[in-house]
Amino acid sequence: MKAERYLVLIHFAAKITKVNLHEVAAQVARSIGHNLQNSEAICSTPFSVTFVGEASVSAKSLFRSLATDLRPGDSLSIFVLGSDIATSHSGLYRWIGARS
């Protein structure tokens, strides 16, 4: 299967605090690194993170794999990105340009 471009949104059920920041960040980074190639974090808040990346699996397979590493109640959304993407976000712009 050809690698697809994905947008991955994770909304945490509970605010990430200083107490659990390291643990949650390490878990998410490990999972993203394992499941997405050429990934780029494009947004991070105390309640959510957003990544773009590529994977040679379906969105449903990617969802199942990433969901196993999330905490109960966390929300996960995965979108397939086409080739026609417009953005003013510098990191996302570089990521798109490197794959065009």
Protein backbone atom coordinates (compact mmCIF):
# COMPACT_ATOMS: atom_id res chain seq x y z
CA MET A 1 0.00 0.00 0.00
CA LYS A 2 1.22 3.48 -0.88
CA ALA A 3 1.93 5.70 2.12
CA GLU A 4 -0.96 8.01 2.95
CA ARG A 5 -0.66 11.40 4.63
CA TYR A 6 -2.55 11.63 7.90
CA LEU A 7 -3.61 14.30 10.35
CA VAL A 8 -3.86 12.84 13.87
CA LEU A 9 -5.78 14.70 16.58
CA ILE A 10 -5.62 13.54 20.20
CA HIS A 11 -7.86 15.27 22.74
CA PHE A 12 -7.02 14.26 26.29
CA ALA A 13 -9.86 13.40 28.66
CA ALA A 14 -8.03 15.21 31.46
CA LYS A 15 -5.72 18.20 31.34
CA ILE A 16 -2.06 17.28 31.18
CA THR A 17 -0.38 18.55 34.34
CA LYS A 18 3.24 18.94 35.37
CA VAL A 19 2.86 15.75 37.38
CA ASN A 20 1.94 13.55 34.40
CA LEU A 21 3.41 15.58 31.52
CA HIS A 22 6.55 13.47 31.12
CA GLU A 23 4.66 10.18 31.20
CA VAL A 24 1.95 11.27 28.74
CA ALA A 25 4.41 12.99 26.39
CA ALA A 26 6.67 9.94 26.33
CA GLN A 27 3.73 7.61 25.66
CA VAL A 28 2.33 9.74 22.81
CA ALA A 29 5.78 10.32 21.26
CA ARG A 30 6.56 6.60 21.38
CA SER A 31 3.24 5.72 19.77
CA ILE A 32 3.47 8.39 17.05
CA GLY A 33 7.09 7.48 16.32
CA HIS A 34 6.19 3.81 16.03
CA ASN A 35 3.14 4.33 13.80
CA LEU A 36 3.92 7.36 11.63
CA GLN A 37 6.90 8.04 9.41
CA ASN A 38 8.04 11.60 8.69
CA SER A 39 5.86 12.93 11.49
CA GLU A 40 5.64 16.55 12.60
CA ALA A 41 3.90 17.92 15.68
CA ILE A 42 1.85 20.91 14.57
CA CYS A 43 -0.08 21.82 17.71
CA SER A 44 0.15 21.13 21.42
CA THR A 45 -2.02 22.36 24.29
CA PRO A 46 -2.61 21.07 27.84
CA PHE A 47 -5.68 19.30 26.42
CA SER A 48 -4.58 18.09 22.98
CA VAL A 49 -1.87 17.37 20.44
CA THR A 50 -1.95 17.31 16.65
CA PHE A 51 0.46 15.53 14.35
CA VAL A 52 0.87 14.97 10.64
CA GLY A 53 2.70 12.00 9.24
CA GLU A 54 2.70 9.16 6.75
CA ALA A 55 1.80 5.52 7.10
CA SER A 56 1.36 2.60 4.72
CA VAL A 57 -1.74 1.37 6.54
CA SER A 58 -5.40 2.35 6.40
CA ALA A 59 -6.82 5.05 8.67
CA LYS A 60 -8.73 2.35 10.57
CA SER A 61 -5.55 0.34 11.16
CA LEU A 62 -3.68 3.44 12.25
CA PHE A 63 -6.55 4.33 14.59
CA ARG A 64 -6.52 0.89 16.23
CA SER A 65 -2.77 0.99 16.71
CA LEU A 66 -2.66 4.50 18.18
CA ALA A 67 -5.75 4.00 20.35
CA THR A 68 -4.10 1.20 22.32
CA ASP A 69 -1.55 3.70 23.69
CA LEU A 70 -4.06 6.32 24.86
CA ARG A 71 -5.56 6.69 28.30
CA PRO A 72 -9.22 5.78 28.93
CA GLY A 73 -11.49 8.60 27.79
CA ASP A 74 -8.96 10.23 25.44
CA SER A 75 -10.39 11.02 21.99
CA LEU A 76 -8.57 10.15 18.78
CA SER A 77 -9.39 11.36 15.27
CA ILE A 78 -7.50 10.52 12.10
CA PHE A 79 -7.96 12.23 8.76
CA VAL A 80 -6.46 11.25 5.41
CA LEU A 81 -4.86 14.32 3.83
CA GLY A 82 -4.91 14.82 0.10
CA SER A 83 -2.17 16.47 -1.89
CA ASP A 84 -3.93 19.86 -2.11
CA ILE A 85 -3.25 21.42 1.31
CA ALA A 86 -3.04 25.13 2.08
CA THR A 87 -1.59 26.42 5.35
CA SER A 88 0.14 29.36 6.97
CA HIS A 89 1.61 27.10 9.71
CA SER A 90 5.38 27.07 9.11
CA GLY A 91 5.99 23.52 10.37
CA LEU A 92 3.11 22.08 8.37
CA TYR A 93 4.19 24.08 5.32
CA ARG A 94 7.71 22.60 5.52
CA TRP A 95 6.26 19.09 6.01
CA ILE A 96 4.04 19.47 2.92
CA GLY A 97 6.87 20.89 0.83
CA ALA A 98 9.25 18.09 1.75
CA ARG A 99 6.76 15.51 0.48
CA SER A 100 5.58 17.24 -2.71
